[in-house]
N, C-alpha and C. Protein backbone atom coordinates (compact mmCIF):
# COMPACT_ATOMS: atom_id res chain seq x y z
N MET A 1 145.19 118.68 10.84
CA MET A 1 144.30 118.59 9.70
C MET A 1 142.87 118.75 10.20
N GLU A 2 142.13 119.61 9.56
CA GLU A 2 140.76 119.85 9.97
C GLU A 2 139.81 119.03 9.11
N HIS A 3 138.85 118.41 9.75
CA HIS A 3 137.85 117.63 9.05
C HIS A 3 136.69 118.53 8.68
N SER A 4 136.22 118.42 7.46
CA SER A 4 135.06 119.21 7.05
C SER A 4 133.81 118.35 7.00
N GLU A 5 133.95 117.06 7.27
CA GLU A 5 132.81 116.15 7.28
C GLU A 5 131.83 116.60 8.35
N LYS A 6 130.54 116.52 8.02
CA LYS A 6 129.50 116.91 8.98
C LYS A 6 128.53 115.76 9.17
N ARG A 7 127.95 115.70 10.36
CA ARG A 7 126.96 114.67 10.68
C ARG A 7 125.74 114.92 9.82
N ALA A 8 125.32 113.92 9.07
CA ALA A 8 124.19 114.04 8.15
C ALA A 8 122.96 114.58 8.86
N GLY A 9 122.33 115.58 8.27
CA GLY A 9 121.09 116.13 8.79
C GLY A 9 121.24 117.08 9.96
N THR A 10 122.46 117.25 10.49
CA THR A 10 122.63 118.13 11.65
C THR A 10 123.51 119.33 11.35
N GLY A 11 124.40 119.21 10.37
CA GLY A 11 125.34 120.28 10.09
C GLY A 11 126.42 120.41 11.15
N VAL A 12 126.53 119.43 12.05
CA VAL A 12 127.52 119.48 13.12
C VAL A 12 128.78 118.76 12.65
N PRO A 13 129.93 119.45 12.67
CA PRO A 13 131.18 118.80 12.25
C PRO A 13 131.51 117.59 13.13
N VAL A 14 132.11 116.57 12.51
CA VAL A 14 132.52 115.38 13.25
C VAL A 14 134.05 115.34 13.33
N ALA A 15 134.55 114.54 14.26
CA ALA A 15 135.99 114.37 14.47
C ALA A 15 136.67 115.71 14.69
N ARG A 16 136.00 116.58 15.47
CA ARG A 16 136.53 117.91 15.74
C ARG A 16 136.05 118.35 17.13
N ALA A 17 136.93 118.95 17.91
CA ALA A 17 136.55 119.45 19.23
C ALA A 17 135.66 120.68 19.07
N LEU A 18 134.53 120.68 19.80
CA LEU A 18 133.59 121.80 19.73
C LEU A 18 133.12 122.17 21.13
N ALA A 19 132.79 123.42 21.32
CA ALA A 19 132.15 123.87 22.56
C ALA A 19 130.64 123.73 22.36
N LEU A 20 130.01 122.83 23.13
CA LEU A 20 128.58 122.57 22.95
C LEU A 20 127.73 123.83 23.03
N SER A 21 127.97 124.65 24.03
CA SER A 21 127.11 125.82 24.21
C SER A 21 127.21 126.81 23.06
N GLY A 22 128.27 126.72 22.27
CA GLY A 22 128.42 127.61 21.12
C GLY A 22 127.69 127.13 19.87
N LEU A 23 127.07 125.95 19.93
CA LEU A 23 126.39 125.41 18.74
C LEU A 23 124.99 125.98 18.53
N LEU A 24 124.46 126.72 19.53
CA LEU A 24 123.18 127.40 19.33
C LEU A 24 123.12 128.58 20.28
N ASP A 25 122.29 129.56 19.90
CA ASP A 25 122.16 130.80 20.65
C ASP A 25 120.77 130.89 21.27
N TYR A 26 120.66 131.72 22.30
CA TYR A 26 119.36 132.02 22.88
C TYR A 26 118.57 132.89 21.92
N GLN A 27 117.24 132.76 21.97
CA GLN A 27 116.35 133.66 21.25
C GLN A 27 115.32 134.16 22.24
N GLU A 28 115.08 135.46 22.23
CA GLU A 28 114.16 136.06 23.18
C GLU A 28 112.78 135.42 23.09
N GLY A 29 112.27 134.99 24.25
CA GLY A 29 110.93 134.42 24.34
C GLY A 29 110.75 133.08 23.66
N ALA A 30 111.84 132.34 23.48
CA ALA A 30 111.74 131.09 22.70
C ALA A 30 112.56 129.96 23.30
N VAL A 31 112.27 128.76 22.80
CA VAL A 31 113.07 127.57 23.05
C VAL A 31 113.68 127.19 21.71
N VAL A 32 114.99 127.05 21.67
CA VAL A 32 115.70 126.72 20.44
C VAL A 32 116.33 125.34 20.62
N SER A 33 116.31 124.53 19.56
CA SER A 33 116.94 123.21 19.65
C SER A 33 117.79 122.94 18.42
N ARG A 34 118.77 122.07 18.61
CA ARG A 34 119.63 121.63 17.51
C ARG A 34 120.02 120.18 17.75
N THR A 35 119.71 119.34 16.79
CA THR A 35 120.05 117.92 16.88
C THR A 35 121.52 117.74 16.58
N VAL A 36 122.20 117.00 17.44
CA VAL A 36 123.62 116.70 17.25
C VAL A 36 123.77 115.30 16.67
N ILE A 37 123.02 114.34 17.22
CA ILE A 37 123.02 112.96 16.72
C ILE A 37 121.56 112.49 16.67
N ASP A 38 121.20 111.86 15.57
CA ASP A 38 119.85 111.30 15.43
C ASP A 38 119.97 109.94 14.76
N ARG A 39 119.85 108.91 15.58
CA ARG A 39 119.97 107.53 15.11
C ARG A 39 118.79 106.72 15.63
N LYS A 40 118.59 105.54 15.05
CA LYS A 40 117.55 104.64 15.55
C LYS A 40 117.79 104.29 17.01
N THR A 41 119.04 104.28 17.41
CA THR A 41 119.41 103.88 18.78
C THR A 41 119.38 105.02 19.79
N GLY A 42 119.21 106.25 19.33
CA GLY A 42 119.11 107.35 20.27
C GLY A 42 119.38 108.70 19.64
N THR A 43 119.18 109.73 20.47
CA THR A 43 119.38 111.10 20.01
C THR A 43 120.17 111.90 21.03
N VAL A 44 120.87 112.89 20.53
CA VAL A 44 121.53 113.89 21.36
C VAL A 44 121.09 115.24 20.80
N THR A 45 120.48 116.05 21.66
CA THR A 45 119.92 117.32 21.22
C THR A 45 120.30 118.43 22.18
N LEU A 46 120.70 119.57 21.65
CA LEU A 46 120.97 120.76 22.44
C LEU A 46 119.73 121.63 22.47
N PHE A 47 119.47 122.26 23.61
CA PHE A 47 118.35 123.18 23.74
C PHE A 47 118.85 124.46 24.41
N ALA A 48 118.25 125.59 24.03
CA ALA A 48 118.46 126.87 24.71
C ALA A 48 117.08 127.42 25.05
N PHE A 49 116.82 127.64 26.34
CA PHE A 49 115.54 128.14 26.83
C PHE A 49 115.73 129.57 27.33
N ASP A 50 114.94 130.49 26.82
CA ASP A 50 114.96 131.84 27.37
C ASP A 50 114.26 131.81 28.73
N GLU A 51 114.57 132.76 29.59
CA GLU A 51 113.97 132.81 30.93
C GLU A 51 112.45 132.74 30.84
N GLY A 52 111.86 131.87 31.67
CA GLY A 52 110.41 131.72 31.71
C GLY A 52 109.85 130.72 30.70
N GLN A 53 110.65 130.31 29.74
CA GLN A 53 110.19 129.36 28.73
C GLN A 53 110.31 127.93 29.27
N GLY A 54 109.59 127.01 28.65
CA GLY A 54 109.68 125.63 29.11
C GLY A 54 109.03 124.65 28.17
N LEU A 55 108.99 123.41 28.61
CA LEU A 55 108.29 122.34 27.92
C LEU A 55 107.21 121.83 28.87
N SER A 56 105.99 121.76 28.39
CA SER A 56 104.89 121.31 29.24
C SER A 56 105.03 119.83 29.58
N GLU A 57 104.28 119.40 30.55
CA GLU A 57 104.37 118.02 31.02
C GLU A 57 104.08 117.04 29.89
N HIS A 58 104.93 116.03 29.81
CA HIS A 58 104.79 114.99 28.79
C HIS A 58 105.52 113.74 29.28
N THR A 59 105.40 112.66 28.54
CA THR A 59 106.15 111.44 28.85
C THR A 59 106.93 111.02 27.61
N ALA A 60 107.92 110.18 27.83
CA ALA A 60 108.71 109.61 26.73
C ALA A 60 108.88 108.12 27.02
N PRO A 61 108.94 107.30 25.99
CA PRO A 61 109.03 105.86 26.19
C PRO A 61 110.41 105.36 26.60
N PHE A 62 111.39 106.26 26.70
CA PHE A 62 112.76 105.87 27.03
C PHE A 62 113.33 106.78 28.10
N ASP A 63 114.30 106.28 28.86
CA ASP A 63 115.00 107.13 29.82
C ASP A 63 115.72 108.24 29.05
N ALA A 64 115.84 109.40 29.70
CA ALA A 64 116.55 110.52 29.10
C ALA A 64 117.40 111.19 30.17
N MET A 65 118.57 111.67 29.75
CA MET A 65 119.44 112.39 30.66
C MET A 65 119.51 113.85 30.21
N VAL A 66 119.33 114.75 31.16
CA VAL A 66 119.46 116.18 30.90
C VAL A 66 120.68 116.68 31.64
N TYR A 67 121.57 117.39 30.92
CA TYR A 67 122.76 117.98 31.52
C TYR A 67 122.73 119.48 31.23
N LEU A 68 122.75 120.31 32.27
CA LEU A 68 122.74 121.76 32.09
C LEU A 68 124.14 122.28 31.79
N LEU A 69 124.26 122.97 30.67
CA LEU A 69 125.52 123.57 30.27
C LEU A 69 125.71 124.92 30.95
N ASP A 70 124.61 125.65 31.11
CA ASP A 70 124.64 126.92 31.86
C ASP A 70 123.22 127.27 32.29
N GLY A 71 123.11 128.24 33.18
CA GLY A 71 121.81 128.72 33.62
C GLY A 71 121.22 127.92 34.76
N GLU A 72 119.88 128.04 34.88
CA GLU A 72 119.16 127.38 35.97
C GLU A 72 117.78 126.96 35.50
N ALA A 73 117.41 125.72 35.81
CA ALA A 73 116.14 125.16 35.35
C ALA A 73 115.41 124.47 36.49
N GLU A 74 114.08 124.45 36.37
CA GLU A 74 113.28 123.60 37.24
C GLU A 74 112.80 122.45 36.39
N VAL A 75 113.07 121.25 36.86
CA VAL A 75 112.61 120.02 36.20
C VAL A 75 111.65 119.34 37.17
N VAL A 76 110.45 119.04 36.68
CA VAL A 76 109.46 118.37 37.51
C VAL A 76 109.28 116.96 36.96
N ILE A 77 109.51 115.96 37.82
CA ILE A 77 109.35 114.56 37.44
C ILE A 77 108.36 113.93 38.41
N ASP A 78 107.28 113.38 37.88
CA ASP A 78 106.24 112.78 38.73
C ASP A 78 105.76 113.75 39.80
N GLY A 79 105.65 115.02 39.43
CA GLY A 79 105.15 116.02 40.37
C GLY A 79 106.18 116.54 41.35
N GLN A 80 107.39 116.02 41.34
CA GLN A 80 108.45 116.43 42.26
C GLN A 80 109.40 117.41 41.58
N PRO A 81 109.45 118.67 42.04
CA PRO A 81 110.34 119.66 41.42
C PRO A 81 111.81 119.47 41.84
N LEU A 82 112.69 119.65 40.88
CA LEU A 82 114.14 119.64 41.11
C LEU A 82 114.70 120.92 40.51
N ARG A 83 115.65 121.54 41.19
CA ARG A 83 116.30 122.73 40.67
C ARG A 83 117.68 122.33 40.19
N LEU A 84 117.96 122.53 38.90
CA LEU A 84 119.27 122.21 38.33
C LEU A 84 120.01 123.48 37.98
N GLN A 85 121.32 123.47 38.21
CA GLN A 85 122.18 124.59 37.83
C GLN A 85 123.28 124.08 36.91
N SER A 86 123.98 125.00 36.32
CA SER A 86 125.07 124.68 35.40
C SER A 86 125.96 123.57 35.96
N GLY A 87 126.22 122.55 35.14
CA GLY A 87 127.08 121.45 35.53
C GLY A 87 126.35 120.30 36.19
N GLU A 88 125.04 120.43 36.42
CA GLU A 88 124.28 119.36 37.05
C GLU A 88 123.44 118.61 36.01
N MET A 89 123.06 117.39 36.38
CA MET A 89 122.27 116.56 35.47
C MET A 89 121.20 115.81 36.25
N VAL A 90 120.22 115.30 35.50
CA VAL A 90 119.18 114.46 36.07
C VAL A 90 118.79 113.43 35.02
N ILE A 91 118.42 112.25 35.49
CA ILE A 91 117.88 111.23 34.59
C ILE A 91 116.36 111.22 34.77
N MET A 92 115.66 111.35 33.66
CA MET A 92 114.20 111.32 33.66
C MET A 92 113.78 109.92 33.23
N PRO A 93 113.17 109.17 34.14
CA PRO A 93 112.80 107.78 33.83
C PRO A 93 111.73 107.68 32.73
N ALA A 94 111.80 106.62 31.97
CA ALA A 94 110.82 106.36 30.91
C ALA A 94 109.41 106.31 31.48
N ASN A 95 108.47 106.78 30.68
CA ASN A 95 107.03 106.70 30.97
C ASN A 95 106.60 107.43 32.24
N ARG A 96 107.43 108.34 32.73
CA ARG A 96 107.05 109.17 33.89
C ARG A 96 106.84 110.59 33.40
N PRO A 97 105.76 111.25 33.83
CA PRO A 97 105.52 112.62 33.37
C PRO A 97 106.62 113.56 33.87
N HIS A 98 107.05 114.44 32.98
CA HIS A 98 108.08 115.42 33.34
C HIS A 98 107.87 116.71 32.55
N ALA A 99 108.38 117.79 33.09
CA ALA A 99 108.29 119.11 32.47
C ALA A 99 109.55 119.89 32.83
N LEU A 100 109.87 120.91 32.03
CA LEU A 100 111.03 121.76 32.29
C LEU A 100 110.64 123.22 32.16
N ARG A 101 111.28 124.07 32.98
CA ARG A 101 111.03 125.51 32.91
C ARG A 101 112.32 126.25 33.24
N ALA A 102 112.57 127.33 32.52
CA ALA A 102 113.78 128.13 32.75
C ALA A 102 113.55 129.11 33.89
N VAL A 103 114.20 128.86 35.03
CA VAL A 103 114.20 129.81 36.14
C VAL A 103 115.02 131.02 35.70
N LYS A 104 116.19 130.73 35.13
CA LYS A 104 117.03 131.69 34.42
C LYS A 104 117.27 131.04 33.07
N ARG A 105 117.57 131.82 32.06
CA ARG A 105 117.79 131.17 30.77
C ARG A 105 118.87 130.10 30.93
N PHE A 106 118.70 129.00 30.19
CA PHE A 106 119.65 127.91 30.32
C PHE A 106 119.80 127.16 29.00
N LYS A 107 120.94 126.47 28.90
CA LYS A 107 121.19 125.56 27.80
C LYS A 107 121.37 124.18 28.38
N MET A 108 120.83 123.18 27.66
CA MET A 108 120.95 121.81 28.15
C MET A 108 121.25 120.87 26.99
N LEU A 109 121.85 119.75 27.36
CA LEU A 109 122.09 118.66 26.44
C LEU A 109 121.14 117.55 26.85
N LEU A 110 120.31 117.09 25.92
CA LEU A 110 119.37 115.99 26.18
C LEU A 110 119.87 114.76 25.45
N ILE A 111 120.10 113.68 26.21
CA ILE A 111 120.57 112.43 25.63
C ILE A 111 119.51 111.37 25.88
N MET A 112 119.00 110.79 24.81
CA MET A 112 118.00 109.74 24.94
C MET A 112 118.49 108.50 24.19
N ILE A 113 118.59 107.42 24.92
CA ILE A 113 119.01 106.15 24.34
C ILE A 113 117.78 105.30 24.17
N ARG A 114 117.54 104.86 22.96
CA ARG A 114 116.39 104.02 22.68
C ARG A 114 116.79 102.55 22.84
N TYR A 115 115.92 101.78 23.40
CA TYR A 115 116.17 100.35 23.59
C TYR A 115 114.91 99.58 23.22
N ALA A 116 115.05 98.32 22.96
CA ALA A 116 113.91 97.48 22.58
C ALA A 116 112.94 97.39 23.74
N VAL A 117 111.67 97.53 23.45
CA VAL A 117 110.65 97.43 24.50
C VAL A 117 109.80 96.21 24.29
């Protein structure tokens, strides 16, 4: 039996097996995102970065985990560059400056859990 119920505000089907990387496509010269879960307690968001695209340095008040679904990215945390490839992840600590750039186009899953501060 197939469920047609979708997560409110995301259009993502629930109680159904899905391939994450198939939920959004690359766009030339752009960063594309799609929210999978958006709750007071946290968010799960998919991103697709075209080669050379990125997010400039910023901070977030909560820890975040980035998991690369495919491609290759440079993640800079506190000025320290890390190279991530498909299947790898990194935790970006709260309140630390970080930035991301596509060495090769890549898709990532960003998971941020919000907690009381």
